[in-house]
Amino acid sequence: AHLEQLAKAVSDAKDSWRAVGEALGFTVQDLDDIRREKGGDGDYYCLQELLKRWLKRAPPVHPFPHVKQLADALRAAGEERTAYELERSRDFEELSHSVQVHTEP
């Protein structure tokens, strides 16, 4: 449920999921793989898969910087409002905790 919570928090950026992925360091091949696997389900599911792979790729030492990295990637993709809402969310602390819990073995 943690991944879904994070994906929902940034769902307004679904149309920019590729740009967000590039800002998070994914290659064009990585993004093409996600599109191939999830594209038939829509951009929201591509964004969700992107976040899933990102969380597995770079588990946070501390959750706040990790969610901050996502906000920075959103900004780089032109999703300023979504980044702002993520950082200002009442649930920001809970999302940060969710990211940490989701990535721990």
PDB file of N, CA and C in Angstrom:
ATOM      1  N   ALA A   1       0.830  -1.202   0.000  1.00  0.00           N
ATOM      2  CA  ALA A   1       0.000   0.000   0.000  1.00  0.00           C
ATOM      3  C   ALA A   1       0.864   1.252   0.000  1.00  0.00           C
ATOM      4  N   HIS A   2       2.115   1.141   0.430  1.00  0.00           N
ATOM      5  CA  HIS A   2       2.964   2.324   0.513  1.00  0.00           C
ATOM      6  C   HIS A   2       3.278   2.890  -0.866  1.00  0.00           C
ATOM      7  N   LEU A   3       3.568   2.029  -1.806  1.00  0.00           N
ATOM      8  CA  LEU A   3       3.853   2.469  -3.163  1.00  0.00           C
ATOM      9  C   LEU A   3       2.641   3.180  -3.749  1.00  0.00           C
ATOM     10  N   GLU A   4       1.463   2.613  -3.543  1.00  0.00           N
ATOM     11  CA  GLU A   4       0.239   3.220  -4.050  1.00  0.00           C
ATOM     12  C   GLU A   4       0.017   4.596  -3.435  1.00  0.00           C
ATOM     13  N   GLN A   5       0.331   4.737  -2.153  1.00  0.00           N
ATOM     14  CA  GLN A   5       0.178   6.013  -1.462  1.00  0.00           C
ATOM     15  C   GLN A   5       1.100   7.062  -2.079  1.00  0.00           C
ATOM     16  N   LEU A   6       2.330   6.685  -2.345  1.00  0.00           N
ATOM     17  CA  LEU A   6       3.280   7.612  -2.949  1.00  0.00           C
ATOM     18  C   LEU A   6       2.857   7.949  -4.375  1.00  0.00           C
ATOM     19  N   ALA A   7       2.450   6.945  -5.147  1.00  0.00           N
ATOM     20  CA  ALA A   7       2.013   7.183  -6.522  1.00  0.00           C
ATOM     21  C   ALA A   7       0.793   8.095  -6.550  1.00  0.00           C
ATOM     22  N   LYS A   8      -0.123   7.903  -5.629  1.00  0.00           N
ATOM     23  CA  LYS A   8      -1.315   8.753  -5.577  1.00  0.00           C
ATOM     24  C   LYS A   8      -0.935  10.191  -5.264  1.00  0.00           C
ATOM     25  N   ALA A   9       0.042  10.369  -4.392  1.00  0.00           N
ATOM     26  CA  ALA A   9       0.463  11.721  -4.009  1.00  0.00           C
ATOM     27  C   ALA A   9       1.035  12.505  -5.188  1.00  0.00           C
ATOM     28  N   VAL A  10       1.590  11.808  -6.155  1.00  0.00           N
ATOM     29  CA  VAL A  10       2.196  12.489  -7.310  1.00  0.00           C
ATOM     30  C   VAL A  10       1.466  12.158  -8.613  1.00  0.00           C
ATOM     31  N   SER A  11       0.239  11.668  -8.499  1.00  0.00           N
ATOM     32  CA  SER A  11      -0.495  11.205  -9.678  1.00  0.00           C
ATOM     33  C   SER A  11      -0.749  12.298 -10.715  1.00  0.00           C
ATOM     34  N   ASP A  12      -0.777  13.562 -10.297  1.00  0.00           N
ATOM     35  CA  ASP A  12      -0.981  14.647 -11.266  1.00  0.00           C
ATOM     36  C   ASP A  12       0.159  14.720 -12.277  1.00  0.00           C
ATOM     37  N   ALA A  13       1.293  14.105 -11.941  1.00  0.00           N
ATOM     38  CA  ALA A  13       2.454  14.136 -12.832  1.00  0.00           C
ATOM     39  C   ALA A  13       2.475  12.940 -13.789  1.00  0.00           C
ATOM     40  N   LYS A  14       1.394  12.192 -13.855  1.00  0.00           N
ATOM     41  CA  LYS A  14       1.402  10.959 -14.657  1.00  0.00           C
ATOM     42  C   LYS A  14       1.747  11.208 -16.112  1.00  0.00           C
ATOM     43  N   ASP A  15       1.320  12.342 -16.664  1.00  0.00           N
ATOM     44  CA  ASP A  15       1.620  12.635 -18.070  1.00  0.00           C
ATOM     45  C   ASP A  15       3.106  12.924 -18.294  1.00  0.00           C
ATOM     46  N   SER A  16       3.820  13.239 -17.218  1.00  0.00           N
ATOM     47  CA  SER A  16       5.248  13.564 -17.303  1.00  0.00           C
ATOM     48  C   SER A  16       6.127  12.456 -16.746  1.00  0.00           C
ATOM     49  N   TRP A  17       5.588  11.245 -16.649  1.00  0.00           N
ATOM     50  CA  TRP A  17       6.322  10.183 -15.968  1.00  0.00           C
ATOM     51  C   TRP A  17       7.684   9.914 -16.595  1.00  0.00           C
ATOM     52  N   ARG A  18       7.791  10.040 -17.921  1.00  0.00           N
ATOM     53  CA  ARG A  18       9.089   9.798 -18.574  1.00  0.00           C
ATOM     54  C   ARG A  18      10.105  10.861 -18.162  1.00  0.00           C
ATOM     55  N   ALA A  19       9.690  12.124 -18.137  1.00  0.00           N
ATOM     56  CA  ALA A  19      10.598  13.203 -17.742  1.00  0.00           C
ATOM     57  C   ALA A  19      11.005  13.061 -16.281  1.00  0.00           C
ATOM     58  N   VAL A  20      10.073  12.640 -15.445  1.00  0.00           N
ATOM     59  CA  VAL A  20      10.395  12.386 -14.036  1.00  0.00           C
ATOM     60  C   VAL A  20      11.424  11.261 -13.954  1.00  0.00           C
ATOM     61  N   GLY A  21      11.212  10.213 -14.742  1.00  0.00           N
ATOM     62  CA  GLY A  21      12.153   9.088 -14.767  1.00  0.00           C
ATOM     63  C   GLY A  21      13.542   9.512 -15.204  1.00  0.00           C
ATOM     64  N   GLU A  22      13.616  10.334 -16.223  1.00  0.00           N
ATOM     65  CA  GLU A  22      14.922  10.833 -16.670  1.00  0.00           C
ATOM     66  C   GLU A  22      15.601  11.621 -15.561  1.00  0.00           C
ATOM     67  N   ALA A  23      14.824  12.461 -14.861  1.00  0.00           N
ATOM     68  CA  ALA A  23      15.386  13.258 -13.769  1.00  0.00           C
ATOM     69  C   ALA A  23      15.838  12.390 -12.595  1.00  0.00           C
ATOM     70  N   LEU A  24      15.258  11.203 -12.479  1.00  0.00           N
ATOM     71  CA  LEU A  24      15.666  10.265 -11.425  1.00  0.00           C
ATOM     72  C   LEU A  24      16.818   9.360 -11.874  1.00  0.00           C
ATOM     73  N   GLY A  25      17.274   9.549 -13.122  1.00  0.00           N
ATOM     74  CA  GLY A  25      18.441   8.811 -13.591  1.00  0.00           C
ATOM     75  C   GLY A  25      18.143   7.558 -14.396  1.00  0.00           C
ATOM     76  N   PHE A  26      16.903   7.362 -14.796  1.00  0.00           N
ATOM     77  CA  PHE A  26      16.571   6.203 -15.618  1.00  0.00           C
ATOM     78  C   PHE A  26      16.993   6.455 -17.060  1.00  0.00           C
ATOM     79  N   THR A  27      17.384   5.384 -17.730  1.00  0.00           N
ATOM     80  CA  THR A  27      17.779   5.484 -19.132  1.00  0.00           C
ATOM     81  C   THR A  27      16.543   5.415 -20.021  1.00  0.00           C
ATOM     82  N   VAL A  28      16.727   5.785 -21.278  1.00  0.00           N
ATOM     83  CA  VAL A  28      15.646   5.672 -22.248  1.00  0.00           C
ATOM     84  C   VAL A  28      15.191   4.217 -22.340  1.00  0.00           C
ATOM     85  N   GLN A  29      16.142   3.286 -22.314  1.00  0.00           N
ATOM     86  CA  GLN A  29      15.804   1.856 -22.355  1.00  0.00           C
ATOM     87  C   GLN A  29      14.939   1.456 -21.160  1.00  0.00           C
ATOM     88  N   ASP A  30      15.320   1.925 -19.965  1.00  0.00           N
ATOM     89  CA  ASP A  30      14.517   1.638 -18.769  1.00  0.00           C
ATOM     90  C   ASP A  30      13.085   2.123 -18.954  1.00  0.00           C
ATOM     91  N   LEU A  31      12.958   3.345 -19.451  1.00  0.00           N
ATOM     92  CA  LEU A  31      11.639   3.952 -19.624  1.00  0.00           C
ATOM     93  C   LEU A  31      10.837   3.236 -20.711  1.00  0.00           C
ATOM     94  N   ASP A  32      11.529   2.824 -21.771  1.00  0.00           N
ATOM     95  CA  ASP A  32      10.855   2.047 -22.818  1.00  0.00           C
ATOM     96  C   ASP A  32      10.354   0.709 -22.270  1.00  0.00           C
ATOM     97  N   ASP A  33      11.148   0.087 -21.398  1.00  0.00           N
ATOM     98  CA  ASP A  33      10.738  -1.175 -20.777  1.00  0.00           C
ATOM     99  C   ASP A  33       9.473  -0.983 -19.945  1.00  0.00           C
ATOM    100  N   ILE A  34       9.443   0.106 -19.190  1.00  0.00           N
ATOM    101  CA  ILE A  34       8.260   0.394 -18.368  1.00  0.00           C
ATOM    102  C   ILE A  34       7.049   0.618 -19.271  1.00  0.00           C
ATOM    103  N   ARG A  35       7.228   1.383 -20.334  1.00  0.00           N
ATOM    104  CA  ARG A  35       6.122   1.656 -21.268  1.00  0.00           C
ATOM    105  C   ARG A  35       5.613   0.352 -21.874  1.00  0.00           C
ATOM    106  N   ARG A  36       6.539  -0.514 -22.240  1.00  0.00           N
ATOM    107  CA  ARG A  36       6.166  -1.792 -22.845  1.00  0.00           C
ATOM    108  C   ARG A  36       5.380  -2.652 -21.851  1.00  0.00           C
ATOM    109  N   GLU A  37       5.824  -2.651 -20.597  1.00  0.00           N
ATOM    110  CA  GLU A  37       5.174  -3.492 -19.582  1.00  0.00           C
ATOM    111  C   GLU A  37       3.850  -2.914 -19.090  1.00  0.00           C
ATOM    112  N   LYS A  38       3.774  -1.610 -18.945  1.00  0.00           N
ATOM    113  CA  LYS A  38       2.611  -0.990 -18.293  1.00  0.00           C
ATOM    114  C   LYS A  38       1.825  -0.040 -19.179  1.00  0.00           C
ATOM    115  N   GLY A  39       2.339   0.244 -20.354  1.00  0.00           N
ATOM    116  CA  GLY A  39       1.727   1.254 -21.214  1.00  0.00           C
ATOM    117  C   GLY A  39       0.280   1.003 -21.560  1.00  0.00           C
ATOM    118  N   GLY A  40      -0.088  -0.251 -21.712  1.00  0.00           N
ATOM    119  CA  GLY A  40      -1.468  -0.567 -22.032  1.00  0.00           C
ATOM    120  C   GLY A  40      -2.433  -0.219 -20.917  1.00  0.00           C
ATOM    121  N   ASP A  41      -1.889  -0.089 -19.707  1.00  0.00           N
ATOM    122  CA  ASP A  41      -2.715   0.229 -18.542  1.00  0.00           C
ATOM    123  C   ASP A  41      -2.858   1.731 -18.329  1.00  0.00           C
ATOM    124  N   GLY A  42      -2.047   2.535 -19.008  1.00  0.00           N
ATOM    125  CA  GLY A  42      -2.124   3.985 -18.864  1.00  0.00           C
ATOM    126  C   GLY A  42      -0.925   4.573 -18.147  1.00  0.00           C
ATOM    127  N   ASP A  43      -0.800   5.891 -18.259  1.00  0.00           N
ATOM    128  CA  ASP A  43       0.356   6.596 -17.713  1.00  0.00           C
ATOM    129  C   ASP A  43       0.469   6.503 -16.197  1.00  0.00           C
ATOM    130  N   TYR A  44      -0.654   6.454 -15.492  1.00  0.00           N
ATOM    131  CA  TYR A  44      -0.595   6.339 -14.036  1.00  0.00           C
ATOM    132  C   TYR A  44       0.154   5.071 -13.635  1.00  0.00           C
ATOM    133  N   TYR A  45      -0.100   3.980 -14.351  1.00  0.00           N
ATOM    134  CA  TYR A  45       0.553   2.714 -14.020  1.00  0.00           C
ATOM    135  C   TYR A  45       2.023   2.724 -14.425  1.00  0.00           C
ATOM    136  N   CYS A  46       2.343   3.482 -15.456  1.00  0.00           N
ATOM    137  CA  CYS A  46       3.761   3.673 -15.805  1.00  0.00           C
ATOM    138  C   CYS A  46       4.458   4.452 -14.693  1.00  0.00           C
ATOM    139  N   LEU A  47       3.803   5.495 -14.187  1.00  0.00           N
ATOM    140  CA  LEU A  47       4.371   6.274 -13.079  1.00  0.00           C
ATOM    141  C   LEU A  47       4.545   5.393 -11.849  1.00  0.00           C
ATOM    142  N   GLN A  48       3.561   4.575 -11.566  1.00  0.00           N
ATOM    143  CA  GLN A  48       3.634   3.690 -10.405  1.00  0.00           C
ATOM    144  C   GLN A  48       4.799   2.697 -10.548  1.00  0.00           C
ATOM    145  N   GLU A  49       4.964   2.125 -11.721  1.00  0.00           N
ATOM    146  CA  GLU A  49       6.073   1.190 -11.962  1.00  0.00           C
ATOM    147  C   GLU A  49       7.412   1.909 -11.866  1.00  0.00           C
ATOM    148  N   LEU A  50       7.464   3.127 -12.390  1.00  0.00           N
ATOM    149  CA  LEU A  50       8.680   3.936 -12.281  1.00  0.00           C
ATOM    150  C   LEU A  50       9.062   4.130 -10.813  1.00  0.00           C
ATOM    151  N   LEU A  51       8.105   4.511  -9.990  1.00  0.00           N
ATOM    152  CA  LEU A  51       8.365   4.720  -8.564  1.00  0.00           C
ATOM    153  C   LEU A  51       8.799   3.423  -7.893  1.00  0.00           C
ATOM    154  N   LYS A  52       8.173   2.321  -8.268  1.00  0.00           N
ATOM    155  CA  LYS A  52       8.537   1.022  -7.698  1.00  0.00           C
ATOM    156  C   LYS A  52      10.000   0.696  -7.998  1.00  0.00           C
ATOM    157  N   ARG A  53      10.392   0.880  -9.248  1.00  0.00           N
ATOM    158  CA  ARG A  53      11.784   0.590  -9.632  1.00  0.00           C
ATOM    159  C   ARG A  53      12.757   1.564  -8.980  1.00  0.00           C
ATOM    160  N   TRP A  54      12.349   2.810  -8.871  1.00  0.00           N
ATOM    161  CA  TRP A  54      13.201   3.825  -8.236  1.00  0.00           C
ATOM    162  C   TRP A  54      13.437   3.479  -6.770  1.00  0.00           C
ATOM    163  N   LEU A  55      12.386   3.085  -6.074  1.00  0.00           N
ATOM    164  CA  LEU A  55      12.525   2.735  -4.659  1.00  0.00           C
ATOM    165  C   LEU A  55      13.428   1.522  -4.467  1.00  0.00           C
ATOM    166  N   LYS A  56      13.346   0.571  -5.373  1.00  0.00           N
ATOM    167  CA  LYS A  56      14.200  -0.623  -5.268  1.00  0.00           C
ATOM    168  C   LYS A  56      15.641  -0.318  -5.647  1.00  0.00           C
ATOM    169  N   ARG A  57      15.828   0.629  -6.532  1.00  0.00           N
ATOM    170  CA  ARG A  57      17.151   0.968  -7.045  1.00  0.00           C
ATOM    171  C   ARG A  57      17.989   1.733  -6.015  1.00  0.00           C
ATOM    172  N   ALA A  58      17.351   2.602  -5.264  1.00  0.00           N
ATOM    173  CA  ALA A  58      18.097   3.482  -4.361  1.00  0.00           C
ATOM    174  C   ALA A  58      17.411   3.570  -3.012  1.00  0.00           C
ATOM    175  N   PRO A  59      17.478   2.499  -2.221  1.00  0.00           N
ATOM    176  CA  PRO A  59      16.841   2.552  -0.904  1.00  0.00           C
ATOM    177  C   PRO A  59      17.406   3.700  -0.068  1.00  0.00           C
ATOM    178  N   PRO A  60      16.534   4.424   0.603  1.00  0.00           N
ATOM    179  CA  PRO A  60      16.981   5.588   1.363  1.00  0.00           C
ATOM    180  C   PRO A  60      17.683   5.208   2.659  1.00  0.00           C
ATOM    181  N   VAL A  61      18.673   6.004   3.010  1.00  0.00           N
ATOM    182  CA  VAL A  61      19.284   5.889   4.329  1.00  0.00           C
ATOM    183  C   VAL A  61      18.349   6.575   5.313  1.00  0.00           C
ATOM    184  N   HIS A  62      17.827   7.707   4.903  1.00  0.00           N
ATOM    185  CA  HIS A  62      16.830   8.448   5.669  1.00  0.00           C
ATOM    186  C   HIS A  62      15.748   8.839   4.675  1.00  0.00           C
ATOM    187  N   PRO A  63      14.489   8.683   5.024  1.00  0.00           N
ATOM    188  CA  PRO A  63      13.427   8.870   4.045  1.00  0.00           C
ATOM    189  C   PRO A  63      13.238  10.289   3.532  1.00  0.00           C
ATOM    190  N   PHE A  64      13.471  11.309   4.349  1.00  0.00           N
ATOM    191  CA  PHE A  64      13.192  12.671   3.893  1.00  0.00           C
ATOM    192  C   PHE A  64      13.957  13.040   2.637  1.00  0.00           C
ATOM    193  N   PRO A  65      15.276  12.822   2.590  1.00  0.00           N
ATOM    194  CA  PRO A  65      15.985  13.188   1.360  1.00  0.00           C
ATOM    195  C   PRO A  65      15.486  12.423   0.145  1.00  0.00           C
ATOM    196  N   HIS A  66      15.009  11.205   0.348  1.00  0.00           N
ATOM    197  CA  HIS A  66      14.533  10.389  -0.759  1.00  0.00           C
ATOM    198  C   HIS A  66      13.266  11.003  -1.369  1.00  0.00           C
ATOM    199  N   VAL A  67      12.322  11.399  -0.530  1.00  0.00           N
ATOM    200  CA  VAL A  67      11.107  12.035  -1.027  1.00  0.00           C
ATOM    201  C   VAL A  67      11.453  13.404  -1.598  1.00  0.00           C
ATOM    202  N   LYS A  68      12.430  14.073  -1.011  1.00  0.00           N
ATOM    203  CA  LYS A  68      12.897  15.361  -1.543  1.00  0.00           C
ATOM    204  C   LYS A  68      13.485  15.170  -2.936  1.00  0.00           C
ATOM    205  N   GLN A  69      14.203  14.080  -3.147  1.00  0.00           N
ATOM    206  CA  GLN A  69      14.758  13.777  -4.473  1.00  0.00           C
ATOM    207  C   GLN A  69      13.639  13.621  -5.491  1.00  0.00           C
ATOM    208  N   LEU A  70      12.544  12.984  -5.091  1.00  0.00           N
ATOM    209  CA  LEU A  70      11.397  12.843  -5.979  1.00  0.00           C
ATOM    210  C   LEU A  70      10.803  14.214  -6.295  1.00  0.00           C
ATOM    211  N   ALA A  71      10.683  15.066  -5.292  1.00  0.00           N
ATOM    212  CA  ALA A  71      10.159  16.421  -5.519  1.00  0.00           C
ATOM    213  C   ALA A  71      11.063  17.185  -6.488  1.00  0.00           C
ATOM    214  N   ASP A  72      12.363  17.047  -6.334  1.00  0.00           N
ATOM    215  CA  ASP A  72      13.302  17.712  -7.255  1.00  0.00           C
ATOM    216  C   ASP A  72      13.139  17.185  -8.683  1.00  0.00           C
ATOM    217  N   ALA A  73      12.924  15.873  -8.819  1.00  0.00           N
ATOM    218  CA  ALA A  73      12.722  15.281 -10.145  1.00  0.00           C
ATOM    219  C   ALA A  73      11.420  15.788 -10.763  1.00  0.00           C
ATOM    220  N   LEU A  74      10.395  15.935  -9.945  1.00  0.00           N
ATOM    221  CA  LEU A  74       9.133  16.483 -10.439  1.00  0.00           C
ATOM    222  C   LEU A  74       9.333  17.896 -10.973  1.00  0.00           C
ATOM    223  N   ARG A  75      10.083  18.695 -10.229  1.00  0.00           N
ATOM    224  CA  ARG A  75      10.368  20.067 -10.683  1.00  0.00           C
ATOM    225  C   ARG A  75      11.137  20.061 -12.004  1.00  0.00           C
ATOM    226  N   ALA A  76      12.130  19.187 -12.103  1.00  0.00           N
ATOM    227  CA  ALA A  76      12.927  19.104 -13.335  1.00  0.00           C
ATOM    228  C   ALA A  76      12.059  18.706 -14.525  1.00  0.00           C
ATOM    229  N   ALA A  77      10.979  17.977 -14.254  1.00  0.00           N
ATOM    230  CA  ALA A  77      10.069  17.545 -15.309  1.00  0.00           C
ATOM    231  C   ALA A  77       8.973  18.589 -15.581  1.00  0.00           C
ATOM    232  N   GLY A  78       9.062  19.735 -14.909  1.00  0.00           N
ATOM    233  CA  GLY A  78       8.075  20.785 -15.118  1.00  0.00           C
ATOM    234  C   GLY A  78       6.820  20.628 -14.281  1.00  0.00           C
ATOM    235  N   GLU A  79       6.881  19.770 -13.280  1.00  0.00           N
ATOM    236  CA  GLU A  79       5.721  19.498 -12.420  1.00  0.00           C
ATOM    237  C   GLU A  79       5.882  20.221 -11.077  1.00  0.00           C
ATOM    238  N   GLU A  80       6.058  21.530 -11.150  1.00  0.00           N
ATOM    239  CA  GLU A  80       6.285  22.360  -9.956  1.00  0.00           C
ATOM    240  C   GLU A  80       5.140  22.227  -8.945  1.00  0.00           C
ATOM    241  N   ARG A  81       3.916  22.301  -9.413  1.00  0.00           N
ATOM    242  CA  ARG A  81       2.774  22.248  -8.501  1.00  0.00           C
ATOM    243  C   ARG A  81       2.714  20.914  -7.766  1.00  0.00           C
ATOM    244  N   THR A  82       2.946  19.825  -8.480  1.00  0.00           N
ATOM    245  CA  THR A  82       2.914  18.508  -7.841  1.00  0.00           C
ATOM    246  C   THR A  82       4.052  18.382  -6.825  1.00  0.00           C
ATOM    247  N   ALA A  83       5.234  18.898  -7.178  1.00  0.00           N
ATOM    248  CA  ALA A  83       6.361  18.867  -6.242  1.00  0.00           C
ATOM    249  C   ALA A  83       6.041  19.671  -4.987  1.00  0.00           C
ATOM    250  N   TYR A  84       5.478  20.838  -5.189  1.00  0.00           N
ATOM    251  CA  TYR A  84       5.117  21.699  -4.063  1.00  0.00           C
ATOM    252  C   TYR A  84       4.098  20.999  -3.165  1.00  0.00           C
ATOM    253  N   GLU A  85       3.079  20.412  -3.795  1.00  0.00           N
ATOM    254  CA  GLU A  85       2.051  19.715  -3.020  1.00  0.00           C
ATOM    255  C   GLU A  85       2.624  18.518  -2.271  1.00  0.00           C
ATOM    256  N   LEU A  86       3.565  17.809  -2.880  1.00  0.00           N
ATOM    257  CA  LEU A  86       4.205  16.677  -2.208  1.00  0.00           C
ATOM    258  C   LEU A  86       4.950  17.152  -0.966  1.00  0.00           C
ATOM    259  N   GLU A  87       5.715  18.211  -1.118  1.00  0.00           N
ATOM    260  CA  GLU A  87       6.513  18.714   0.014  1.00  0.00           C
ATOM    261  C   GLU A  87       5.662  19.356   1.097  1.00  0.00           C
ATOM    262  N   ARG A  88       4.552  19.937   0.713  1.00  0.00           N
ATOM    263  CA  ARG A  88       3.706  20.637   1.687  1.00  0.00           C
ATOM    264  C   ARG A  88       2.587  19.772   2.239  1.00  0.00           C
ATOM    265  N   SER A  89       2.500  18.567   1.755  1.00  0.00           N
ATOM    266  CA  SER A  89       1.421  17.672   2.151  1.00  0.00           C
ATOM    267  C   SER A  89       1.453  17.393   3.650  1.00  0.00           C
ATOM    268  N   ARG A  90       0.272  17.346   4.217  1.00  0.00           N
ATOM    269  CA  ARG A  90       0.154  16.941   5.618  1.00  0.00           C
ATOM    270  C   ARG A  90       0.704  15.544   5.800  1.00  0.00           C
ATOM    271  N   ASP A  91       0.649  14.775   4.742  1.00  0.00           N
ATOM    272  CA  ASP A  91       1.088  13.387   4.798  1.00  0.00           C
ATOM    273  C   ASP A  91       2.561  13.215   4.430  1.00  0.00           C
ATOM    274  N   PHE A  92       3.293  14.333   4.266  1.00  0.00           N
ATOM    275  CA  PHE A  92       4.686  14.241   3.827  1.00  0.00           C
ATOM    276  C   PHE A  92       5.502  13.337   4.750  1.00  0.00           C
ATOM    277  N   GLU A  93       5.338  13.540   6.040  1.00  0.00           N
ATOM    278  CA  GLU A  93       6.081  12.720   7.003  1.00  0.00           C
ATOM    279  C   GLU A  93       5.658  11.258   6.884  1.00  0.00           C
ATOM    280  N   GLU A  94       4.349  11.036   6.720  1.00  0.00           N
ATOM    281  CA  GLU A  94       3.848   9.672   6.575  1.00  0.00           C
ATOM    282  C   GLU A  94       4.363   9.045   5.272  1.00  0.00           C
ATOM    283  N   LEU A  95       4.377   9.838   4.191  1.00  0.00           N
ATOM    284  CA  LEU A  95       4.907   9.331   2.921  1.00  0.00           C
ATOM    285  C   LEU A  95       6.383   8.981   3.068  1.00  0.00           C
ATOM    286  N   SER A  96       7.130   9.833   3.742  1.00  0.00           N
ATOM    287  CA  SER A  96       8.544   9.577   3.959  1.00  0.00           C
ATOM    288  C   SER A  96       8.739   8.265   4.698  1.00  0.00           C
ATOM    289  N   HIS A  97       7.912   8.063   5.716  1.00  0.00           N
ATOM    290  CA  HIS A  97       7.986   6.822   6.486  1.00  0.00           C
ATOM    291  C   HIS A  97       7.605   5.637   5.594  1.00  0.00           C
ATOM    292  N   SER A  98       6.595   5.831   4.758  1.00  0.00           N
ATOM    293  CA  SER A  98       6.159   4.771   3.855  1.00  0.00           C
ATOM    294  C   SER A  98       7.267   4.346   2.921  1.00  0.00           C
ATOM    295  N   VAL A  99       8.004   5.315   2.411  1.00  0.00           N
ATOM    296  CA  VAL A  99       9.114   5.011   1.509  1.00  0.00           C
ATOM    297  C   VAL A  99      10.141   4.178   2.246  1.00  0.00           C
ATOM    298  N   GLN A 100      10.450   4.552   3.469  1.00  0.00           N
ATOM    299  CA  GLN A 100      11.440   3.822   4.252  1.00  0.00           C
ATOM    300  C   GLN A 100      10.963   2.390   4.522  1.00  0.00           C
ATOM    301  N   VAL A 101       9.722   2.261   4.938  1.00  0.00           N
ATOM    302  CA  VAL A 101       9.176   0.937   5.261  1.00  0.00           C
ATOM    303  C   VAL A 101       9.138   0.061   4.016  1.00  0.00           C
ATOM    304  N   HIS A 102       8.729   0.648   2.884  1.00  0.00           N
ATOM    305  CA  HIS A 102       8.576  -0.124   1.651  1.00  0.00           C
ATOM    306  C   HIS A 102       9.909  -0.682   1.163  1.00  0.00           C
ATOM    307  N   THR A 103      10.992   0.021   1.409  1.00  0.00           N
ATOM    308  CA  THR A 103      12.270  -0.387   0.835  1.00  0.00           C
ATOM    309  C   THR A 103      13.108  -1.217   1.784  1.00  0.00           C
ATOM    310  N   GLU A 104      12.686  -1.343   3.036  1.00  0.00           N
ATOM    311  CA  GLU A 104      13.469  -2.163   3.963  1.00  0.00           C
ATOM    312  C   GLU A 104      13.200  -3.633   3.666  1.00  0.00           C
ATOM    313  N   PRO A 105      14.244  -4.472   3.819  1.00  0.00           N
ATOM    314  CA  PRO A 105      14.075  -5.911   3.522  1.00  0.00           C
ATOM    315  C   PRO A 105      13.114  -6.592   4.468  1.00  0.00           C
TER     316      PRO A 105
END
